[in-house]
Amino acid sequence: MKSVKEEYVELCLKLDEADRATNIRKHNQTMRSLIKLIEYLDENKEESAFLVELLMHENIYVRGNAAAHCYNHGINSEEALAVMKEVFENAPSGDLRAGMGFKLGVIDGSLSHLIPAKQ
């Protein structure tokens, strides 16, 4: 059985592969699986410690997703933000660059008008 960390890395690598091949179906299937895993981590925060390690991963998709998750949960926020900026500047695909750019825009407030207010 795979660890949560192994599954997270595997899904991020599949996203990378799908985006490089412009395989929208595979991208969407992989994102659904990654979202379920992230929801699991949100409910089981004690299992999220491995995400800090992934901020240094050799794959940009793994780094970017881990950085966004860390930032959203206040885990090594400064390092996570720096990784998000690095990923945005060096993203090999438009999807990754756009996603990271949107996240950074929300963080710095320039896109906050696009996010609905929480009720």
Protein backbone atom coordinates (compact mmCIF):
# COMPACT_ATOMS: atom_id res chain seq x y z
CA MET A 1 0.00 0.00 0.00
CA LYS A 2 1.26 3.46 -0.91
CA SER A 3 1.84 6.15 1.66
CA VAL A 4 -0.09 9.41 1.39
CA LYS A 5 3.16 11.11 0.35
CA GLU A 6 3.78 8.58 -2.44
CA GLU A 7 0.22 8.96 -3.69
CA TYR A 8 0.49 12.78 -3.61
CA VAL A 9 3.75 12.75 -5.59
CA GLU A 10 2.37 10.21 -8.06
CA LEU A 11 -0.73 12.33 -8.73
CA CYS A 12 1.35 15.50 -9.22
CA LEU A 13 3.61 13.65 -11.68
CA LYS A 14 0.53 12.41 -13.56
CA LEU A 15 -0.69 16.02 -13.78
CA ASP A 16 2.66 17.04 -15.23
CA GLU A 17 2.47 14.22 -17.78
CA ALA A 18 -1.14 15.04 -18.73
CA ASP A 19 -0.42 18.75 -19.16
CA ARG A 20 2.70 18.13 -21.28
CA ALA A 21 0.66 15.81 -23.52
CA THR A 22 -2.30 18.24 -23.52
CA ASN A 23 -4.49 15.38 -22.34
CA ILE A 24 -7.43 17.21 -20.79
CA ARG A 25 -9.29 14.03 -19.84
CA LYS A 26 -6.29 12.65 -17.93
CA HIS A 27 -5.67 16.07 -16.34
CA ASN A 28 -9.26 16.27 -15.09
CA GLN A 29 -9.27 12.67 -13.77
CA THR A 30 -5.99 13.27 -11.97
CA MET A 31 -7.19 16.58 -10.49
CA ARG A 32 -10.30 14.88 -9.10
CA SER A 33 -8.07 12.30 -7.38
CA LEU A 34 -5.69 14.99 -6.11
CA ILE A 35 -8.60 17.05 -4.73
CA LYS A 36 -9.88 13.99 -2.84
CA LEU A 37 -6.40 13.45 -1.38
CA ILE A 38 -6.16 17.12 -0.40
CA GLU A 39 -9.57 16.90 1.27
CA TYR A 40 -8.29 13.88 3.19
CA LEU A 41 -5.22 15.86 4.27
CA ASP A 42 -7.44 18.78 5.32
CA GLU A 43 -9.31 16.41 7.63
CA ASN A 44 -6.12 14.69 8.85
CA LYS A 45 -3.68 17.57 9.25
CA GLU A 46 -1.20 15.45 11.20
CA GLU A 47 -0.51 13.56 7.96
CA SER A 48 0.40 16.75 6.06
CA ALA A 49 3.93 17.09 7.48
CA PHE A 50 5.48 15.57 4.35
CA LEU A 51 4.36 18.57 2.27
CA VAL A 52 7.25 20.68 3.61
CA GLU A 53 9.70 18.11 2.21
CA LEU A 54 8.03 18.38 -1.19
CA LEU A 55 8.80 22.11 -1.43
CA MET A 56 12.27 20.96 -2.53
CA HIS A 57 11.11 18.20 -4.91
CA GLU A 58 12.82 18.07 -8.31
CA ASN A 59 9.48 18.19 -10.18
CA ILE A 60 7.89 21.61 -10.56
CA TYR A 61 4.32 20.22 -10.37
CA VAL A 62 5.06 18.51 -7.08
CA ARG A 63 6.70 21.68 -5.70
CA GLY A 64 3.90 23.94 -6.89
CA ASN A 65 1.05 21.86 -5.51
CA ALA A 66 2.82 21.30 -2.20
CA ALA A 67 3.59 25.04 -1.94
CA ALA A 68 -0.03 26.03 -2.56
CA HIS A 69 -1.26 23.52 0.01
CA CYS A 70 1.33 24.61 2.58
CA TYR A 71 0.52 28.29 2.04
CA ASN A 72 -3.23 27.71 2.37
CA HIS A 73 -2.70 25.97 5.70
CA GLY A 74 -0.07 28.25 7.18
CA ILE A 75 2.70 25.65 6.95
CA ASN A 76 6.06 27.34 6.25
CA SER A 77 4.11 30.14 4.53
CA GLU A 78 7.10 32.29 3.55
CA GLU A 79 8.98 29.40 1.95
CA ALA A 80 5.77 28.19 0.29
CA LEU A 81 5.13 31.64 -1.19
CA ALA A 82 8.69 31.80 -2.54
CA VAL A 83 8.24 28.38 -4.16
CA MET A 84 4.92 29.47 -5.68
CA LYS A 85 6.63 32.50 -7.24
CA GLU A 86 9.47 30.32 -8.56
CA VAL A 87 6.97 27.89 -10.07
CA PHE A 88 5.03 30.74 -11.69
CA GLU A 89 8.21 32.12 -13.26
CA ASN A 90 9.45 28.73 -14.51
CA ALA A 91 6.27 26.79 -15.27
CA PRO A 92 6.64 24.59 -18.37
CA SER A 93 2.93 24.69 -19.20
CA GLY A 94 0.30 27.36 -19.50
CA ASP A 95 -2.02 25.48 -17.14
CA LEU A 96 0.50 25.41 -14.30
CA ARG A 97 1.55 29.01 -14.90
CA ALA A 98 -2.05 30.23 -15.02
CA GLY A 99 -3.05 28.29 -11.90
CA MET A 100 -0.07 29.53 -9.92
CA GLY A 101 -0.54 33.08 -11.22
CA PHE A 102 -4.15 33.05 -10.08
CA LYS A 103 -3.17 31.80 -6.62
CA LEU A 104 -0.49 34.50 -6.33
CA GLY A 105 -2.94 37.16 -7.50
CA VAL A 106 -5.40 36.16 -4.82
CA ILE A 107 -2.63 36.21 -2.20
CA ASP A 108 -1.39 39.69 -3.10
CA GLY A 109 -4.95 40.99 -3.39
CA SER A 110 -4.88 41.91 -7.07
CA LEU A 111 -7.49 39.25 -7.85
CA SER A 112 -9.43 39.31 -4.60
CA HIS A 113 -12.43 40.83 -6.39
CA LEU A 114 -12.85 37.48 -8.23
CA ILE A 115 -13.26 35.48 -5.02
CA PRO A 116 -16.76 35.41 -3.54
CA ALA A 117 -17.00 36.56 0.07
CA LYS A 118 -17.41 33.75 2.59
CA GLN A 119 -20.87 33.66 4.12
